[in-house]
Amino acid sequence: MKKILLLLVAFICTVGISAQAVLSLDRTSHNFGTFKESKVQKTTFTVTNTGNKPLIIQQAFTSCGCTVANYTKTPIQPGEKGTITVSYDGKNKFPGQFRKVVTVRSNASNSLVRIYVEGILEKD
């Protein structure tokens, strides 16, 4: 009887661990190419929940004030998609090559993921 109870507890623990959200991205970086400082750049990353529990994006924080990230605020059900839209405003920034990071925090098994935007900024 103890063996059956032990196996049952082990099974329940295994099932509980395997029930989780998984954040999958269509890509992890985007290159805007060369552009003038007066033109705000924007790109959208597609998020898919490949897990078996609802995915909740809790935060998307950027490495500087020139980059802004907006994301799906409602839970993303298993198999469903959401978005993370990243904007880069180069106005009054130093010209040249840049690479900015956006760190995404969620309830997924991969709870912290990083996405990048890059390009070459030219003065107007």
PDB file of N, CA and C in Angstrom:
ATOM      1  N   MET A   1       0.812  -1.187   0.000  1.00  0.00           N
ATOM      2  CA  MET A   1       0.000   0.000   0.000  1.00  0.00           C
ATOM      3  C   MET A   1       0.864   1.263   0.000  1.00  0.00           C
ATOM      4  N   LYS A   2       1.969   1.225   0.772  1.00  0.00           N
ATOM      5  CA  LYS A   2       2.852   2.377   0.827  1.00  0.00           C
ATOM      6  C   LYS A   2       3.464   2.652  -0.537  1.00  0.00           C
ATOM      7  N   LYS A   3       3.790   1.596  -1.282  1.00  0.00           N
ATOM      8  CA  LYS A   3       4.383   1.767  -2.614  1.00  0.00           C
ATOM      9  C   LYS A   3       3.388   2.446  -3.561  1.00  0.00           C
ATOM     10  N   ILE A   4       2.143   2.040  -3.496  1.00  0.00           N
ATOM     11  CA  ILE A   4       1.127   2.630  -4.357  1.00  0.00           C
ATOM     12  C   ILE A   4       0.943   4.109  -3.996  1.00  0.00           C
ATOM     13  N   LEU A   5       0.898   4.420  -2.718  1.00  0.00           N
ATOM     14  CA  LEU A   5       0.750   5.799  -2.279  1.00  0.00           C
ATOM     15  C   LEU A   5       1.954   6.636  -2.714  1.00  0.00           C
ATOM     16  N   LEU A   6       3.146   6.081  -2.579  1.00  0.00           N
ATOM     17  CA  LEU A   6       4.361   6.783  -2.990  1.00  0.00           C
ATOM     18  C   LEU A   6       4.362   7.039  -4.497  1.00  0.00           C
ATOM     19  N   LEU A   7       3.948   6.051  -5.288  1.00  0.00           N
ATOM     20  CA  LEU A   7       3.859   6.224  -6.737  1.00  0.00           C
ATOM     21  C   LEU A   7       2.813   7.269  -7.106  1.00  0.00           C
ATOM     22  N   LEU A   8       1.701   7.264  -6.402  1.00  0.00           N
ATOM     23  CA  LEU A   8       0.649   8.252  -6.657  1.00  0.00           C
ATOM     24  C   LEU A   8       1.140   9.666  -6.359  1.00  0.00           C
ATOM     25  N   VAL A   9       1.832   9.862  -5.256  1.00  0.00           N
ATOM     26  CA  VAL A   9       2.380  11.173  -4.910  1.00  0.00           C
ATOM     27  C   VAL A   9       3.413  11.602  -5.950  1.00  0.00           C
ATOM     28  N   ALA A  10       4.279  10.709  -6.373  1.00  0.00           N
ATOM     29  CA  ALA A  10       5.284  11.020  -7.394  1.00  0.00           C
ATOM     30  C   ALA A  10       4.611  11.409  -8.707  1.00  0.00           C
ATOM     31  N   PHE A  11       3.556  10.712  -9.085  1.00  0.00           N
ATOM     32  CA  PHE A  11       2.831  11.028 -10.314  1.00  0.00           C
ATOM     33  C   PHE A  11       2.193  12.410 -10.236  1.00  0.00           C
ATOM     34  N   ILE A  12       1.548  12.715  -9.124  1.00  0.00           N
ATOM     35  CA  ILE A  12       0.905  14.024  -8.950  1.00  0.00           C
ATOM     36  C   ILE A  12       1.942  15.137  -8.999  1.00  0.00           C
ATOM     37  N   CYS A  13       3.087  14.946  -8.376  1.00  0.00           N
ATOM     38  CA  CYS A  13       4.152  15.960  -8.407  1.00  0.00           C
ATOM     39  C   CYS A  13       4.674  16.154  -9.825  1.00  0.00           C
ATOM     40  N   THR A  14       4.833  15.066 -10.563  1.00  0.00           N
ATOM     41  CA  THR A  14       5.320  15.157 -11.938  1.00  0.00           C
ATOM     42  C   THR A  14       4.320  15.882 -12.821  1.00  0.00           C
ATOM     43  N   VAL A  15       3.046  15.580 -12.687  1.00  0.00           N
ATOM     44  CA  VAL A  15       2.018  16.248 -13.475  1.00  0.00           C
ATOM     45  C   VAL A  15       1.959  17.726 -13.117  1.00  0.00           C
ATOM     46  N   GLY A  16       2.060  18.063 -11.832  1.00  0.00           N
ATOM     47  CA  GLY A  16       2.038  19.456 -11.405  1.00  0.00           C
ATOM     48  C   GLY A  16       3.201  20.254 -11.968  1.00  0.00           C
ATOM     49  N   ILE A  17       4.372  19.639 -12.050  1.00  0.00           N
ATOM     50  CA  ILE A  17       5.548  20.317 -12.586  1.00  0.00           C
ATOM     51  C   ILE A  17       5.418  20.513 -14.089  1.00  0.00           C
ATOM     52  N   SER A  18       4.847  19.553 -14.787  1.00  0.00           N
ATOM     53  CA  SER A  18       4.779  19.645 -16.245  1.00  0.00           C
ATOM     54  C   SER A  18       3.689  20.595 -16.731  1.00  0.00           C
ATOM     55  N   ALA A  19       2.776  20.995 -15.854  1.00  0.00           N
ATOM     56  CA  ALA A  19       1.727  21.936 -16.249  1.00  0.00           C
ATOM     57  C   ALA A  19       2.263  23.356 -16.104  1.00  0.00           C
ATOM     58  N   GLN A  20       2.716  23.919 -17.211  1.00  0.00           N
ATOM     59  CA  GLN A  20       3.259  25.270 -17.165  1.00  0.00           C
ATOM     60  C   GLN A  20       3.168  25.943 -18.524  1.00  0.00           C
ATOM     61  N   ALA A  21       3.264  27.241 -18.490  1.00  0.00           N
ATOM     62  CA  ALA A  21       3.278  28.027 -19.718  1.00  0.00           C
ATOM     63  C   ALA A  21       4.703  28.032 -20.276  1.00  0.00           C
ATOM     64  N   VAL A  22       4.808  28.127 -21.595  1.00  0.00           N
ATOM     65  CA  VAL A  22       6.109  28.242 -22.257  1.00  0.00           C
ATOM     66  C   VAL A  22       6.014  29.369 -23.273  1.00  0.00           C
ATOM     67  N   LEU A  23       6.891  30.369 -23.138  1.00  0.00           N
ATOM     68  CA  LEU A  23       6.911  31.519 -24.029  1.00  0.00           C
ATOM     69  C   LEU A  23       7.841  31.218 -25.200  1.00  0.00           C
ATOM     70  N   SER A  24       7.271  31.185 -26.410  1.00  0.00           N
ATOM     71  CA  SER A  24       8.055  30.981 -27.627  1.00  0.00           C
ATOM     72  C   SER A  24       7.910  32.218 -28.499  1.00  0.00           C
ATOM     73  N   LEU A  25       9.028  32.685 -29.052  1.00  0.00           N
ATOM     74  CA  LEU A  25       9.043  33.887 -29.896  1.00  0.00           C
ATOM     75  C   LEU A  25       9.272  33.526 -31.348  1.00  0.00           C
ATOM     76  N   ASP A  26       8.708  34.336 -32.258  1.00  0.00           N
ATOM     77  CA  ASP A  26       8.950  34.114 -33.684  1.00  0.00           C
ATOM     78  C   ASP A  26      10.394  34.440 -34.058  1.00  0.00           C
ATOM     79  N   ARG A  27      11.035  35.334 -33.274  1.00  0.00           N
ATOM     80  CA  ARG A  27      12.449  35.675 -33.440  1.00  0.00           C
ATOM     81  C   ARG A  27      12.881  36.407 -32.181  1.00  0.00           C
ATOM     82  N   THR A  28      14.181  36.546 -31.970  1.00  0.00           N
ATOM     83  CA  THR A  28      14.663  37.209 -30.764  1.00  0.00           C
ATOM     84  C   THR A  28      15.355  38.535 -31.060  1.00  0.00           C
ATOM     85  N   SER A  29      15.464  38.906 -32.335  1.00  0.00           N
ATOM     86  CA  SER A  29      16.074  40.202 -32.655  1.00  0.00           C
ATOM     87  C   SER A  29      15.476  40.762 -33.940  1.00  0.00           C
ATOM     88  N   HIS A  30      15.617  42.079 -34.076  1.00  0.00           N
ATOM     89  CA  HIS A  30      15.156  42.761 -35.282  1.00  0.00           C
ATOM     90  C   HIS A  30      16.146  43.867 -35.612  1.00  0.00           C
ATOM     91  N   ASN A  31      16.533  43.960 -36.884  1.00  0.00           N
ATOM     92  CA  ASN A  31      17.436  45.001 -37.352  1.00  0.00           C
ATOM     93  C   ASN A  31      16.633  46.001 -38.173  1.00  0.00           C
ATOM     94  N   PHE A  32      16.597  47.253 -37.719  1.00  0.00           N
ATOM     95  CA  PHE A  32      15.885  48.308 -38.430  1.00  0.00           C
ATOM     96  C   PHE A  32      16.655  48.803 -39.656  1.00  0.00           C
ATOM     97  N   GLY A  33      17.919  48.448 -39.760  1.00  0.00           N
ATOM     98  CA  GLY A  33      18.734  48.952 -40.854  1.00  0.00           C
ATOM     99  C   GLY A  33      19.169  50.378 -40.553  1.00  0.00           C
ATOM    100  N   THR A  34      19.434  51.158 -41.609  1.00  0.00           N
ATOM    101  CA  THR A  34      19.861  52.545 -41.460  1.00  0.00           C
ATOM    102  C   THR A  34      18.654  53.467 -41.612  1.00  0.00           C
ATOM    103  N   PHE A  35      18.513  54.416 -40.680  1.00  0.00           N
ATOM    104  CA  PHE A  35      17.377  55.331 -40.725  1.00  0.00           C
ATOM    105  C   PHE A  35      17.749  56.661 -40.092  1.00  0.00           C
ATOM    106  N   LYS A  36      16.966  57.690 -40.410  1.00  0.00           N
ATOM    107  CA  LYS A  36      17.171  59.040 -39.889  1.00  0.00           C
ATOM    108  C   LYS A  36      16.569  59.167 -38.482  1.00  0.00           C
ATOM    109  N   GLU A  37      17.162  60.041 -37.681  1.00  0.00           N
ATOM    110  CA  GLU A  37      16.745  60.193 -36.282  1.00  0.00           C
ATOM    111  C   GLU A  37      15.300  60.656 -36.113  1.00  0.00           C
ATOM    112  N   SER A  38      14.745  61.341 -37.103  1.00  0.00           N
ATOM    113  CA  SER A  38      13.381  61.856 -36.970  1.00  0.00           C
ATOM    114  C   SER A  38      12.317  60.780 -37.198  1.00  0.00           C
ATOM    115  N   LYS A  39      12.726  59.599 -37.627  1.00  0.00           N
ATOM    116  CA  LYS A  39      11.766  58.537 -37.914  1.00  0.00           C
ATOM    117  C   LYS A  39      11.787  57.477 -36.804  1.00  0.00           C
ATOM    118  N   VAL A  40      10.715  57.422 -36.019  1.00  0.00           N
ATOM    119  CA  VAL A  40      10.594  56.408 -34.966  1.00  0.00           C
ATOM    120  C   VAL A  40      10.423  55.043 -35.629  1.00  0.00           C
ATOM    121  N   GLN A  41      11.178  54.078 -35.154  1.00  0.00           N
ATOM    122  CA  GLN A  41      11.122  52.711 -35.694  1.00  0.00           C
ATOM    123  C   GLN A  41      10.263  51.842 -34.778  1.00  0.00           C
ATOM    124  N   LYS A  42       9.542  50.895 -35.373  1.00  0.00           N
ATOM    125  CA  LYS A  42       8.669  50.027 -34.594  1.00  0.00           C
ATOM    126  C   LYS A  42       8.664  48.632 -35.220  1.00  0.00           C
ATOM    127  N   THR A  43       8.670  47.616 -34.377  1.00  0.00           N
ATOM    128  CA  THR A  43       8.552  46.237 -34.846  1.00  0.00           C
ATOM    129  C   THR A  43       7.742  45.439 -33.834  1.00  0.00           C
ATOM    130  N   THR A  44       7.126  44.373 -34.296  1.00  0.00           N
ATOM    131  CA  THR A  44       6.301  43.529 -33.427  1.00  0.00           C
ATOM    132  C   THR A  44       6.835  42.105 -33.444  1.00  0.00           C
ATOM    133  N   PHE A  45       7.064  41.578 -32.250  1.00  0.00           N
ATOM    134  CA  PHE A  45       7.463  40.187 -32.060  1.00  0.00           C
ATOM    135  C   PHE A  45       6.203  39.393 -31.709  1.00  0.00           C
ATOM    136  N   THR A  46       6.061  38.221 -32.291  1.00  0.00           N
ATOM    137  CA  THR A  46       4.908  37.370 -31.994  1.00  0.00           C
ATOM    138  C   THR A  46       5.296  36.358 -30.925  1.00  0.00           C
ATOM    139  N   VAL A  47       4.463  36.280 -29.887  1.00  0.00           N
ATOM    140  CA  VAL A  47       4.654  35.361 -28.771  1.00  0.00           C
ATOM    141  C   VAL A  47       3.628  34.246 -28.913  1.00  0.00           C
ATOM    142  N   THR A  48       4.067  33.012 -28.774  1.00  0.00           N
ATOM    143  CA  THR A  48       3.148  31.869 -28.772  1.00  0.00           C
ATOM    144  C   THR A  48       3.315  31.117 -27.456  1.00  0.00           C
ATOM    145  N   ASN A  49       2.203  30.769 -26.841  1.00  0.00           N
ATOM    146  CA  ASN A  49       2.246  29.946 -25.632  1.00  0.00           C
ATOM    147  C   ASN A  49       2.255  28.484 -26.068  1.00  0.00           C
ATOM    148  N   THR A  50       3.426  27.854 -26.017  1.00  0.00           N
ATOM    149  CA  THR A  50       3.547  26.449 -26.410  1.00  0.00           C
ATOM    150  C   THR A  50       3.436  25.523 -25.206  1.00  0.00           C
ATOM    151  N   GLY A  51       3.042  26.067 -24.070  1.00  0.00           N
ATOM    152  CA  GLY A  51       2.844  25.259 -22.878  1.00  0.00           C
ATOM    153  C   GLY A  51       1.404  24.811 -22.748  1.00  0.00           C
ATOM    154  N   ASN A  52       1.060  24.338 -21.553  1.00  0.00           N
ATOM    155  CA  ASN A  52      -0.296  23.835 -21.330  1.00  0.00           C
ATOM    156  C   ASN A  52      -1.009  24.567 -20.194  1.00  0.00           C
ATOM    157  N   LYS A  53      -0.532  25.765 -19.878  1.00  0.00           N
ATOM    158  CA  LYS A  53      -1.127  26.616 -18.844  1.00  0.00           C
ATOM    159  C   LYS A  53      -1.123  28.039 -19.400  1.00  0.00           C
ATOM    160  N   PRO A  54      -2.072  28.903 -19.015  1.00  0.00           N
ATOM    161  CA  PRO A  54      -2.081  30.275 -19.545  1.00  0.00           C
ATOM    162  C   PRO A  54      -0.765  31.018 -19.271  1.00  0.00           C
ATOM    163  N   LEU A  55      -0.307  31.749 -20.275  1.00  0.00           N
ATOM    164  CA  LEU A  55       0.920  32.540 -20.200  1.00  0.00           C
ATOM    165  C   LEU A  55       0.561  33.979 -19.845  1.00  0.00           C
ATOM    166  N   ILE A  56       1.223  34.520 -18.842  1.00  0.00           N
ATOM    167  CA  ILE A  56       0.994  35.904 -18.443  1.00  0.00           C
ATOM    168  C   ILE A  56       2.324  36.648 -18.549  1.00  0.00           C
ATOM    169  N   ILE A  57       2.375  37.623 -19.459  1.00  0.00           N
ATOM    170  CA  ILE A  57       3.548  38.479 -19.550  1.00  0.00           C
ATOM    171  C   ILE A  57       3.394  39.522 -18.453  1.00  0.00           C
ATOM    172  N   GLN A  58       4.322  39.531 -17.517  1.00  0.00           N
ATOM    173  CA  GLN A  58       4.215  40.404 -16.359  1.00  0.00           C
ATOM    174  C   GLN A  58       4.884  41.753 -16.579  1.00  0.00           C
ATOM    175  N   GLN A  59       5.937  41.777 -17.391  1.00  0.00           N
ATOM    176  CA  GLN A  59       6.681  43.008 -17.579  1.00  0.00           C
ATOM    177  C   GLN A  59       7.581  42.878 -18.800  1.00  0.00           C
ATOM    178  N   ALA A  60       7.789  43.987 -19.485  1.00  0.00           N
ATOM    179  CA  ALA A  60       8.779  44.069 -20.567  1.00  0.00           C
ATOM    180  C   ALA A  60       9.523  45.373 -20.345  1.00  0.00           C
ATOM    181  N   PHE A  61      10.729  45.270 -19.801  1.00  0.00           N
ATOM    182  CA  PHE A  61      11.466  46.493 -19.502  1.00  0.00           C
ATOM    183  C   PHE A  61      12.646  46.656 -20.447  1.00  0.00           C
ATOM    184  N   THR A  62      12.963  47.911 -20.744  1.00  0.00           N
ATOM    185  CA  THR A  62      13.950  48.243 -21.765  1.00  0.00           C
ATOM    186  C   THR A  62      15.241  48.730 -21.133  1.00  0.00           C
ATOM    187  N   SER A  63      16.288  48.753 -21.954  1.00  0.00           N
ATOM    188  CA  SER A  63      17.607  49.140 -21.456  1.00  0.00           C
ATOM    189  C   SER A  63      17.821  50.643 -21.450  1.00  0.00           C
ATOM    190  N   CYS A  64      16.921  51.419 -22.068  1.00  0.00           N
ATOM    191  CA  CYS A  64      17.058  52.877 -22.055  1.00  0.00           C
ATOM    192  C   CYS A  64      15.713  53.523 -22.367  1.00  0.00           C
ATOM    193  N   GLY A  65      15.643  54.838 -22.162  1.00  0.00           N
ATOM    194  CA  GLY A  65      14.403  55.568 -22.399  1.00  0.00           C
ATOM    195  C   GLY A  65      14.059  55.750 -23.858  1.00  0.00           C
ATOM    196  N   CYS A  66      14.991  55.476 -24.756  1.00  0.00           N
ATOM    197  CA  CYS A  66      14.735  55.626 -26.188  1.00  0.00           C
ATOM    198  C   CYS A  66      13.946  54.444 -26.749  1.00  0.00           C
ATOM    199  N   THR A  67      13.807  53.391 -25.949  1.00  0.00           N
ATOM    200  CA  THR A  67      13.116  52.182 -26.382  1.00  0.00           C
ATOM    201  C   THR A  67      11.905  51.954 -25.485  1.00  0.00           C
ATOM    202  N   VAL A  68      10.760  51.658 -26.103  1.00  0.00           N
ATOM    203  CA  VAL A  68       9.523  51.410 -25.365  1.00  0.00           C
ATOM    204  C   VAL A  68       8.956  50.077 -25.829  1.00  0.00           C
ATOM    205  N   ALA A  69       8.496  49.267 -24.871  1.00  0.00           N
ATOM    206  CA  ALA A  69       7.896  47.970 -25.204  1.00  0.00           C
ATOM    207  C   ALA A  69       6.464  47.921 -24.695  1.00  0.00           C
ATOM    208  N   ASN A  70       5.544  47.521 -25.565  1.00  0.00           N
ATOM    209  CA  ASN A  70       4.143  47.276 -25.202  1.00  0.00           C
ATOM    210  C   ASN A  70       3.857  45.814 -25.494  1.00  0.00           C
ATOM    211  N   TYR A  71       3.054  45.185 -24.656  1.00  0.00           N
ATOM    212  CA  TYR A  71       2.836  43.745 -24.782  1.00  0.00           C
ATOM    213  C   TYR A  71       1.393  43.383 -24.461  1.00  0.00           C
ATOM    214  N   THR A  72       1.013  42.190 -24.852  1.00  0.00           N
ATOM    215  CA  THR A  72      -0.317  41.662 -24.562  1.00  0.00           C
ATOM    216  C   THR A  72      -0.483  41.559 -23.051  1.00  0.00           C
ATOM    217  N   LYS A  73      -1.505  42.198 -22.537  1.00  0.00           N
ATOM    218  CA  LYS A  73      -1.725  42.250 -21.080  1.00  0.00           C
ATOM    219  C   LYS A  73      -2.624  41.122 -20.574  1.00  0.00           C
ATOM    220  N   THR A  74      -3.438  40.553 -21.441  1.00  0.00           N
ATOM    221  CA  THR A  74      -4.346  39.485 -21.027  1.00  0.00           C
ATOM    222  C   THR A  74      -3.631  38.139 -21.110  1.00  0.00           C
ATOM    223  N   PRO A  75      -4.062  37.145 -20.322  1.00  0.00           N
ATOM    224  CA  PRO A  75      -3.427  35.825 -20.389  1.00  0.00           C
ATOM    225  C   PRO A  75      -3.510  35.237 -21.804  1.00  0.00           C
ATOM    226  N   ILE A  76      -2.421  34.641 -22.234  1.00  0.00           N
ATOM    227  CA  ILE A  76      -2.349  33.990 -23.543  1.00  0.00           C
ATOM    228  C   ILE A  76      -2.564  32.501 -23.299  1.00  0.00           C
ATOM    229  N   GLN A  77      -3.657  31.977 -23.810  1.00  0.00           N
ATOM    230  CA  GLN A  77      -4.024  30.583 -23.570  1.00  0.00           C
ATOM    231  C   GLN A  77      -3.084  29.639 -24.334  1.00  0.00           C
ATOM    232  N   PRO A  78      -2.979  28.382 -23.895  1.00  0.00           N
ATOM    233  CA  PRO A  78      -2.127  27.419 -24.602  1.00  0.00           C
ATOM    234  C   PRO A  78      -2.472  27.359 -26.093  1.00  0.00           C
ATOM    235  N   GLY A  79      -1.438  27.456 -26.927  1.00  0.00           N
ATOM    236  CA  GLY A  79      -1.615  27.425 -28.379  1.00  0.00           C
ATOM    237  C   GLY A  79      -1.960  28.769 -28.992  1.00  0.00           C
ATOM    238  N   GLU A  80      -2.257  29.765 -28.173  1.00  0.00           N
ATOM    239  CA  GLU A  80      -2.638  31.089 -28.670  1.00  0.00           C
ATOM    240  C   GLU A  80      -1.418  31.995 -28.795  1.00  0.00           C
ATOM    241  N   LYS A  81      -1.636  33.158 -29.445  1.00  0.00           N
ATOM    242  CA  LYS A  81      -0.557  34.104 -29.704  1.00  0.00           C
ATOM    243  C   LYS A  81      -0.836  35.455 -29.058  1.00  0.00           C
ATOM    244  N   GLY A  82       0.251  36.156 -28.766  1.00  0.00           N
ATOM    245  CA  GLY A  82       0.213  37.526 -28.276  1.00  0.00           C
ATOM    246  C   GLY A  82       1.321  38.294 -28.972  1.00  0.00           C
ATOM    247  N   THR A  83       1.548  39.535 -28.560  1.00  0.00           N
ATOM    248  CA  THR A  83       2.572  40.347 -29.217  1.00  0.00           C
ATOM    249  C   THR A  83       3.370  41.161 -28.202  1.00  0.00           C
ATOM    250  N   ILE A  84       4.581  41.494 -28.620  1.00  0.00           N
ATOM    251  CA  ILE A  84       5.414  42.477 -27.933  1.00  0.00           C
ATOM    252  C   ILE A  84       5.844  43.455 -29.017  1.00  0.00           C
ATOM    253  N   THR A  85       5.404  44.702 -28.907  1.00  0.00           N
ATOM    254  CA  THR A  85       5.755  45.732 -29.888  1.00  0.00           C
ATOM    255  C   THR A  85       6.826  46.627 -29.279  1.00  0.00           C
ATOM    256  N   VAL A  86       7.930  46.780 -30.007  1.00  0.00           N
ATOM    257  CA  VAL A  86       9.061  47.574 -29.526  1.00  0.00           C
ATOM    258  C   VAL A  86       9.250  48.772 -30.448  1.00  0.00           C
ATOM    259  N   SER A  87       9.325  49.970 -29.837  1.00  0.00           N
ATOM    260  CA  SER A  87       9.566  51.206 -30.588  1.00  0.00           C
ATOM    261  C   SER A  87      10.915  51.774 -30.173  1.00  0.00           C
ATOM    262  N   TYR A  88      11.626  52.344 -31.157  1.00  0.00           N
ATOM    263  CA  TYR A  88      12.909  53.003 -30.893  1.00  0.00           C
ATOM    264  C   TYR A  88      12.832  54.420 -31.433  1.00  0.00           C
ATOM    265  N   ASP A  89      13.078  55.410 -30.550  1.00  0.00           N
ATOM    266  CA  ASP A  89      13.065  56.817 -30.936  1.00  0.00           C
ATOM    267  C   ASP A  89      14.490  57.352 -30.823  1.00  0.00           C
ATOM    268  N   GLY A  90      15.105  57.643 -31.971  1.00  0.00           N
ATOM    269  CA  GLY A  90      16.487  58.099 -31.998  1.00  0.00           C
ATOM    270  C   GLY A  90      16.670  59.603 -31.939  1.00  0.00           C
ATOM    271  N   LYS A  91      15.589  60.335 -31.732  1.00  0.00           N
ATOM    272  CA  LYS A  91      15.686  61.802 -31.714  1.00  0.00           C
ATOM    273  C   LYS A  91      16.641  62.251 -30.604  1.00  0.00           C
ATOM    274  N   ASN A  92      17.589  63.130 -30.994  1.00  0.00           N
ATOM    275  CA  ASN A  92      18.598  63.684 -30.081  1.00  0.00           C
ATOM    276  C   ASN A  92      19.519  62.625 -29.466  1.00  0.00           C
ATOM    277  N   LYS A  93      19.685  61.506 -30.129  1.00  0.00           N
ATOM    278  CA  LYS A  93      20.604  60.466 -29.668  1.00  0.00           C
ATOM    279  C   LYS A  93      21.870  60.524 -30.521  1.00  0.00           C
ATOM    280  N   PHE A  94      22.925  59.902 -30.035  1.00  0.00           N
ATOM    281  CA  PHE A  94      24.174  59.862 -30.795  1.00  0.00           C
ATOM    282  C   PHE A  94      23.990  59.020 -32.043  1.00  0.00           C
ATOM    283  N   PRO A  95      24.458  59.517 -33.186  1.00  0.00           N
ATOM    284  CA  PRO A  95      24.345  58.717 -34.411  1.00  0.00           C
ATOM    285  C   PRO A  95      25.295  57.522 -34.359  1.00  0.00           C
ATOM    286  N   GLY A  96      24.979  56.538 -35.171  1.00  0.00           N
ATOM    287  CA  GLY A  96      25.819  55.348 -35.258  1.00  0.00           C
ATOM    288  C   GLY A  96      25.035  54.090 -34.952  1.00  0.00           C
ATOM    289  N   GLN A  97      25.781  53.029 -34.826  1.00  0.00           N
ATOM    290  CA  GLN A  97      25.176  51.721 -34.604  1.00  0.00           C
ATOM    291  C   GLN A  97      24.701  51.592 -33.154  1.00  0.00           C
ATOM    292  N   PHE A  98      23.563  50.918 -32.964  1.00  0.00           N
ATOM    293  CA  PHE A  98      23.038  50.679 -31.621  1.00  0.00           C
ATOM    294  C   PHE A  98      22.454  49.280 -31.542  1.00  0.00           C
ATOM    295  N   ARG A  99      22.355  48.781 -30.320  1.00  0.00           N
ATOM    296  CA  ARG A  99      21.694  47.506 -30.020  1.00  0.00           C
ATOM    297  C   ARG A  99      21.065  47.661 -28.643  1.00  0.00           C
ATOM    298  N   LYS A 100      19.748  47.541 -28.577  1.00  0.00           N
ATOM    299  CA  LYS A 100      19.008  47.712 -27.324  1.00  0.00           C
ATOM    300  C   LYS A 100      18.342  46.394 -26.944  1.00  0.00           C
ATOM    301  N   VAL A 101      18.266  46.155 -25.654  1.00  0.00           N
ATOM    302  CA  VAL A 101      17.677  44.921 -25.149  1.00  0.00           C
ATOM    303  C   VAL A 101      16.356  45.213 -24.455  1.00  0.00           C
ATOM    304  N   VAL A 102      15.420  44.291 -24.631  1.00  0.00           N
ATOM    305  CA  VAL A 102      14.147  44.306 -23.908  1.00  0.00           C
ATOM    306  C   VAL A 102      14.082  42.984 -23.149  1.00  0.00           C
ATOM    307  N   THR A 103      13.932  43.066 -21.839  1.00  0.00           N
ATOM    308  CA  THR A 103      13.835  41.863 -21.018  1.00  0.00           C
ATOM    309  C   THR A 103      12.369  41.629 -20.695  1.00  0.00           C
ATOM    310  N   VAL A 104      11.898  40.439 -21.019  1.00  0.00           N
ATOM    311  CA  VAL A 104      10.486  40.080 -20.839  1.00  0.00           C
ATOM    312  C   VAL A 104      10.385  39.106 -19.670  1.00  0.00           C
ATOM    313  N   ARG A 105       9.553  39.463 -18.702  1.00  0.00           N
ATOM    314  CA  ARG A 105       9.335  38.609 -17.530  1.00  0.00           C
ATOM    315  C   ARG A 105       7.917  38.052 -17.588  1.00  0.00           C
ATOM    316  N   SER A 106       7.788  36.751 -17.322  1.00  0.00           N
ATOM    317  CA  SER A 106       6.474  36.110 -17.393  1.00  0.00           C
ATOM    318  C   SER A 106       6.393  34.972 -16.380  1.00  0.00           C
ATOM    319  N   ASN A 107       5.249  34.300 -16.373  1.00  0.00           N
ATOM    320  CA  ASN A 107       5.068  33.139 -15.512  1.00  0.00           C
ATOM    321  C   ASN A 107       5.499  31.846 -16.202  1.00  0.00           C
ATOM    322  N   ALA A 108       6.140  31.950 -17.342  1.00  0.00           N
ATOM    323  CA  ALA A 108       6.534  30.763 -18.120  1.00  0.00           C
ATOM    324  C   ALA A 108       7.708  30.033 -17.473  1.00  0.00           C
ATOM    325  N   SER A 109       7.931  28.812 -17.933  1.00  0.00           N
ATOM    326  CA  SER A 109       9.073  28.042 -17.446  1.00  0.00           C
ATOM    327  C   SER A 109      10.368  28.778 -17.776  1.00  0.00           C
ATOM    328  N   ASN A 110      10.407  29.451 -18.916  1.00  0.00           N
ATOM    329  CA  ASN A 110      11.530  30.325 -19.274  1.00  0.00           C
ATOM    330  C   ASN A 110      11.113  31.746 -18.897  1.00  0.00           C
ATOM    331  N   SER A 111      11.107  32.033 -17.597  1.00  0.00           N
ATOM    332  CA  SER A 111      10.469  33.242 -17.068  1.00  0.00           C
ATOM    333  C   SER A 111      11.127  34.551 -17.486  1.00  0.00           C
ATOM    334  N   LEU A 112      12.394  34.537 -17.869  1.00  0.00           N
ATOM    335  CA  LEU A 112      13.058  35.737 -18.375  1.00  0.00           C
ATOM    336  C   LEU A 112      13.624  35.446 -19.760  1.00  0.00           C
ATOM    337  N   VAL A 113      13.195  36.229 -20.737  1.00  0.00           N
ATOM    338  CA  VAL A 113      13.762  36.125 -22.085  1.00  0.00           C
ATOM    339  C   VAL A 113      14.158  37.524 -22.530  1.00  0.00           C
ATOM    340  N   ARG A 114      15.128  37.578 -23.409  1.00  0.00           N
ATOM    341  CA  ARG A 114      15.597  38.874 -23.924  1.00  0.00           C
ATOM    342  C   ARG A 114      15.387  38.931 -25.421  1.00  0.00           C
ATOM    343  N   ILE A 115      14.913  40.088 -25.868  1.00  0.00           N
ATOM    344  CA  ILE A 115      14.807  40.350 -27.300  1.00  0.00           C
ATOM    345  C   ILE A 115      15.587  41.633 -27.586  1.00  0.00           C
ATOM    346  N   TYR A 116      16.042  41.777 -28.820  1.00  0.00           N
ATOM    347  CA  TYR A 116      16.928  42.876 -29.173  1.00  0.00           C
ATOM    348  C   TYR A 116      16.422  43.612 -30.407  1.00  0.00           C
ATOM    349  N   VAL A 117      16.654  44.923 -30.413  1.00  0.00           N
ATOM    350  CA  VAL A 117      16.460  45.731 -31.613  1.00  0.00           C
ATOM    351  C   VAL A 117      17.789  46.432 -31.871  1.00  0.00           C
ATOM    352  N   GLU A 118      18.120  46.576 -33.144  1.00  0.00           N
ATOM    353  CA  GLU A 118      19.386  47.205 -33.513  1.00  0.00           C
ATOM    354  C   GLU A 118      19.242  47.931 -34.838  1.00  0.00           C
ATOM    355  N   GLY A 119      20.238  48.713 -35.147  1.00  0.00           N
ATOM    356  CA  GLY A 119      20.224  49.438 -36.404  1.00  0.00           C
ATOM    357  C   GLY A 119      21.331  50.466 -36.421  1.00  0.00           C
ATOM    358  N   ILE A 120      21.275  51.337 -37.421  1.00  0.00           N
ATOM    359  CA  ILE A 120      22.243  52.414 -37.561  1.00  0.00           C
ATOM    360  C   ILE A 120      21.462  53.717 -37.654  1.00  0.00           C
ATOM    361  N   LEU A 121      21.709  54.607 -36.708  1.00  0.00           N
ATOM    362  CA  LEU A 121      21.030  55.895 -36.629  1.00  0.00           C
ATOM    363  C   LEU A 121      21.848  56.960 -37.341  1.00  0.00           C
ATOM    364  N   GLU A 122      21.185  57.723 -38.207  1.00  0.00           N
ATOM    365  CA  GLU A 122      21.839  58.840 -38.910  1.00  0.00           C
ATOM    366  C   GLU A 122      21.157  60.135 -38.502  1.00  0.00           C
ATOM    367  N   LYS A 123      21.921  61.206 -38.450  1.00  0.00           N
ATOM    368  CA  LYS A 123      21.365  62.534 -38.194  1.00  0.00           C
ATOM    369  C   LYS A 123      20.544  62.981 -39.390  1.00  0.00           C
ATOM    370  N   ASP A 124      19.512  63.798 -39.146  1.00  0.00           N
ATOM    371  CA  ASP A 124      18.680  64.332 -40.233  1.00  0.00           C
ATOM    372  C   ASP A 124      19.473  65.322 -41.068  1.00  0.00           C
TER     373      ASP A 124
END
